[in-house]
C-alpha atoms as a PDB file:
ATOM      1  CA  MET A   1      88.102 -72.854-103.127  1.00  0.00           C
ATOM      2  CA  SER A   2      87.418 -76.328-104.469  1.00  0.00           C
ATOM      3  CA  LYS A   3      89.014 -79.726-103.935  1.00  0.00           C
ATOM      4  CA  ILE A   4      89.900 -82.180-106.676  1.00  0.00           C
ATOM      5  CA  LYS A   5      92.042 -85.311-106.796  1.00  0.00           C
ATOM      6  CA  VAL A   6      95.129 -85.360-108.986  1.00  0.00           C
ATOM      7  CA  ASN A   7      96.707 -88.793-109.418  1.00  0.00           C
ATOM      8  CA  GLY A   8      94.871 -89.928-106.287  1.00  0.00           C
ATOM      9  CA  LYS A   9      96.015 -87.036-104.067  1.00  0.00           C
ATOM     10  CA  GLU A  10      93.725 -84.256-102.917  1.00  0.00           C
ATOM     11  CA  GLN A  11      94.561 -80.816-104.266  1.00  0.00           C
ATOM     12  CA  GLU A  12      92.878 -77.495-103.493  1.00  0.00           C
ATOM     13  CA  LEU A  13      92.188 -75.000-106.245  1.00  0.00           C
ATOM     14  CA  LEU A  14      91.843 -71.316-105.452  1.00  0.00           C
ATOM     15  CA  ASN A  15      90.214 -70.514-108.811  1.00  0.00           C
ATOM     16  CA  GLU A  16      88.468 -72.387-111.563  1.00  0.00           C
ATOM     17  CA  LEU A  17      91.141 -73.871-113.799  1.00  0.00           C
ATOM     18  CA  SER A  18      91.307 -75.563-117.154  1.00  0.00           C
ATOM     19  CA  ILE A  19      93.184 -78.799-117.658  1.00  0.00           C
ATOM     20  CA  SER A  20      95.948 -76.839-119.432  1.00  0.00           C
ATOM     21  CA  GLU A  21      96.364 -74.598-116.392  1.00  0.00           C
ATOM     22  CA  LEU A  22      96.425 -77.612-114.058  1.00  0.00           C
ATOM     23  CA  ILE A  23      99.218 -79.160-116.142  1.00  0.00           C
ATOM     24  CA  LYS A  24     101.267 -75.955-115.746  1.00  0.00           C
ATOM     25  CA  ILE A  25     100.583 -75.612-112.013  1.00  0.00           C
ATOM     26  CA  ASN A  26     101.650 -79.216-111.409  1.00  0.00           C
ATOM     27  CA  LYS A  27     104.782 -78.752-113.525  1.00  0.00           C
ATOM     28  CA  VAL A  28     104.004 -81.897-115.501  1.00  0.00           C
ATOM     29  CA  ALA A  29     107.116 -83.240-117.206  1.00  0.00           C
ATOM     30  CA  GLN A  30     106.783 -83.573-120.972  1.00  0.00           C
ATOM     31  CA  PRO A  31     103.235 -82.163-121.137  1.00  0.00           C
ATOM     32  CA  GLU A  32     103.119 -82.959-124.874  1.00  0.00           C
ATOM     33  CA  MET A  33     103.435 -86.657-123.963  1.00  0.00           C
ATOM     34  CA  VAL A  34     100.798 -86.804-121.215  1.00  0.00           C
ATOM     35  CA  SER A  35      97.231 -88.001-121.644  1.00  0.00           C
ATOM     36  CA  ILE A  36      94.553 -86.772-119.270  1.00  0.00           C
ATOM     37  CA  GLN A  37      91.783 -88.777-117.747  1.00  0.00           C
ATOM     38  CA  LEU A  38      89.014 -86.737-116.114  1.00  0.00           C
ATOM     39  CA  ASN A  39      86.574 -88.698-113.960  1.00  0.00           C
ATOM     40  CA  GLY A  40      87.532 -91.902-115.779  1.00  0.00           C
ATOM     41  CA  ASN A  41      87.198 -90.506-119.322  1.00  0.00           C
ATOM     42  CA  PHE A  42      90.025 -89.447-121.605  1.00  0.00           C
ATOM     43  CA  VAL A  43      90.008 -85.784-122.655  1.00  0.00           C
ATOM     44  CA  VAL A  44      90.958 -84.916-126.226  1.00  0.00           C
ATOM     45  CA  ARG A  45      94.145 -82.800-126.217  1.00  0.00           C
ATOM     46  CA  ASP A  46      92.422 -80.073-128.272  1.00  0.00           C
ATOM     47  CA  ASN A  47      89.958 -79.639-125.376  1.00  0.00           C
ATOM     48  CA  TYR A  48      92.511 -79.114-122.568  1.00  0.00           C
ATOM     49  CA  GLU A  49      92.112 -75.313-122.722  1.00  0.00           C
ATOM     50  CA  SER A  50      88.314 -75.388-122.738  1.00  0.00           C
ATOM     51  CA  THR A  51      87.744 -78.164-120.178  1.00  0.00           C
ATOM     52  CA  GLY A  52      87.228 -76.640-116.750  1.00  0.00           C
ATOM     53  CA  LEU A  53      87.636 -78.434-113.442  1.00  0.00           C
ATOM     54  CA  LYS A  54      85.093 -78.409-110.636  1.00  0.00           C
ATOM     55  CA  GLU A  55      84.735 -79.595-107.052  1.00  0.00           C
ATOM     56  CA  GLY A  56      85.157 -83.358-106.715  1.00  0.00           C
ATOM     57  CA  ASP A  57      86.765 -83.965-110.122  1.00  0.00           C
ATOM     58  CA  GLU A  58      89.388 -86.695-110.381  1.00  0.00           C
ATOM     59  CA  VAL A  59      92.251 -86.070-112.789  1.00  0.00           C
ATOM     60  CA  ASP A  60      94.969 -88.521-113.772  1.00  0.00           C
ATOM     61  CA  PHE A  61      98.095 -87.642-115.734  1.00  0.00           C
ATOM     62  CA  LEU A  62      98.995 -90.726-117.776  1.00  0.00           C
ATOM     63  CA  TYR A  63     102.121 -91.518-119.748  1.00  0.00           C
ATOM     64  CA  PHE A  64     102.020 -94.421-122.156  1.00  0.00           C
ATOM     65  CA  MET A  65     105.301 -96.233-122.433  1.00  0.00           C
ATOM     66  CA  GLY A  66     106.304 -98.605-125.169  1.00  0.00           C
ATOM     67  CA  GLY A  67     108.301-101.632-124.317  1.00  0.00           C
ATOM     68  CA  GLY A  68     108.532-105.334-124.436  1.00  0.00           C
ATOM     69  CA  CYS A  69     110.986-107.910-125.602  1.00  0.00           C
END
């Protein structure tokens, strides 16, 4: 079992997971619209399946919103 932080909250993983699997487990709304930051670096969407998570990783799900006047 390993511990990571997801959006600042500790989460325990029973198995090694990819970013894609983490998105599914966390039931991320509009996964096609989310950007992922892993340990402060953005992950290219094409690499979500192949990027594994390990003990101590910090993951942020980010949504970019347009707006203004």
